[in-house]
Protein backbone atom coordinates (compact mmCIF):
# COMPACT_ATOMS: atom_id res chain seq x y z
CA UNK A 1 3.99 -5.56 -11.71
CA UNK A 2 4.82 -2.21 -10.10
CA UNK A 3 8.33 -1.16 -9.17
CA UNK A 4 8.76 1.57 -6.57
CA UNK A 5 12.19 3.18 -6.91
CA UNK A 6 13.51 5.26 -4.02
CA UNK A 7 16.73 7.28 -4.15
CA UNK A 8 18.32 8.34 -0.86
CA UNK A 9 21.02 10.89 -0.10
CA UNK A 10 22.21 10.47 3.48
CA UNK A 11 23.29 13.18 5.87
CA UNK A 12 27.09 13.49 6.08
CA UNK A 13 27.13 11.99 9.59
CA UNK A 14 25.89 8.67 8.14
CA UNK A 15 28.30 8.26 5.22
CA UNK A 16 30.88 5.95 6.80
CA UNK A 17 30.87 2.73 4.73
CA UNK A 18 29.87 0.55 7.69
CA UNK A 19 27.00 2.93 8.55
CA UNK A 20 25.70 2.90 4.99
CA UNK A 21 25.87 -0.90 5.04
CA UNK A 22 23.92 -1.00 8.31
CA UNK A 23 21.24 1.30 6.89
CA UNK A 24 21.04 -0.80 3.72
CA UNK A 25 20.72 -4.06 5.68
CA UNK A 26 18.13 -2.67 8.09
CA UNK A 27 16.11 -1.26 5.20
CA UNK A 28 16.08 -4.59 3.37
CA UNK A 29 15.07 -6.47 6.52
CA UNK A 30 12.24 -4.14 7.49
CA UNK A 31 10.81 -3.52 4.03
CA UNK A 32 10.85 -7.15 2.92
CA UNK A 33 8.50 -8.06 5.81
CA UNK A 34 5.81 -5.53 4.91
CA UNK A 35 2.52 -6.71 3.38
CA UNK A 36 2.36 -6.49 -0.41
CA UNK A 37 6.13 -6.32 -0.95
CA UNK A 38 7.14 -9.04 -3.40
CA UNK A 39 10.86 -8.20 -3.63
CA UNK A 40 13.31 -5.68 -2.19
CA UNK A 41 16.71 -4.70 -3.54
CA UNK A 42 18.98 -2.18 -1.84
CA UNK A 43 21.84 -0.94 -3.98
CA UNK A 44 24.81 1.39 -3.63
CA UNK A 45 26.22 3.62 -6.39
CA UNK A 46 28.43 1.84 -8.89
CA UNK A 47 30.36 4.93 -10.01
CA UNK A 48 31.56 8.25 -8.61
CA UNK A 49 29.07 10.34 -10.58
CA UNK A 50 26.14 8.48 -9.11
CA UNK A 51 27.73 8.56 -5.64
CA UNK A 52 27.81 12.35 -5.76
CA UNK A 53 24.04 12.42 -6.14
CA UNK A 54 22.79 9.37 -4.18
CA UNK A 55 23.96 6.97 -1.48
CA UNK A 56 21.32 4.23 -1.75
CA UNK A 57 18.66 3.05 -4.15
CA UNK A 58 15.73 0.96 -2.96
CA UNK A 59 13.77 -1.06 -5.48
CA UNK A 60 10.54 -2.64 -4.29
CA UNK A 61 8.21 -4.83 -6.35
CA UNK A 62 4.43 -4.96 -5.88
CA UNK A 63 1.57 -6.59 -7.74
CA UNK A 64 -0.55 -3.41 -7.96
CA UNK A 65 -0.57 0.32 -7.24
CA UNK A 66 -3.12 -0.40 -4.50
CA UNK A 67 -0.50 -2.61 -2.83
CA UNK A 68 1.98 0.28 -3.03
CA UNK A 69 -0.48 2.60 -1.31
CA UNK A 70 -1.21 0.05 1.42
CA UNK A 71 2.55 -0.31 1.93
CA UNK A 72 3.05 3.46 2.11
CA UNK A 73 0.52 3.91 4.92
CA UNK A 74 1.29 0.70 6.82
CA UNK A 75 2.27 1.52 10.44
CA UNK A 76 5.55 -0.43 10.22
CA UNK A 77 6.51 1.44 7.05
CA UNK A 78 5.60 4.78 8.61
CA UNK A 79 7.72 3.93 11.66
CA UNK A 80 10.67 2.92 9.45
CA UNK A 81 10.44 6.15 7.41
CA UNK A 82 9.55 8.61 10.17
CA UNK A 83 11.59 7.26 13.08
CA UNK A 84 14.50 5.44 11.46
CA UNK A 85 15.17 6.80 7.98
CA UNK A 86 14.08 10.45 8.05
CA UNK A 87 16.65 11.52 10.69
CA UNK A 88 19.43 10.02 8.53
CA UNK A 89 18.54 11.47 5.13
CA UNK A 90 19.23 14.76 3.42
CA UNK A 91 17.11 14.00 0.32
CA UNK A 92 14.70 11.25 -0.67
CA UNK A 93 12.87 10.81 -3.98
CA UNK A 94 10.44 8.04 -4.90
CA UNK A 95 8.68 7.02 -8.11
CA UNK A 96 6.43 4.17 -9.22
CA UNK A 97 6.83 2.37 -12.56
CA UNK A 98 4.82 -0.36 -14.23
CA UNK A 99 6.00 -2.87 -16.79
CA UNK A 100 5.73 -1.51 -20.31
CA UNK A 101 5.41 -4.93 -21.94
CA UNK A 102 2.14 -6.26 -20.52
């Protein structure tokens, strides 16, 4: 199992609580429908220290790294990132992890 973890810092114009909620809901809806995605979680910071650094965390589960790559280049994912998300973000960081206890 591969987990892709994405941290997002939004532009100031998108930080109203209802806007962050809309972005979180839209992200979950779009990403959960993409091929290869087994599970999607969208989370908000639980404490003020984390909130200073990040506004959202996306966690996506895949069976393989190949599935991650197919997801990354899928046209619906590219549209979500390039047309929807990119204009709203100040910083985005993503990493892939695999289970250590296989």
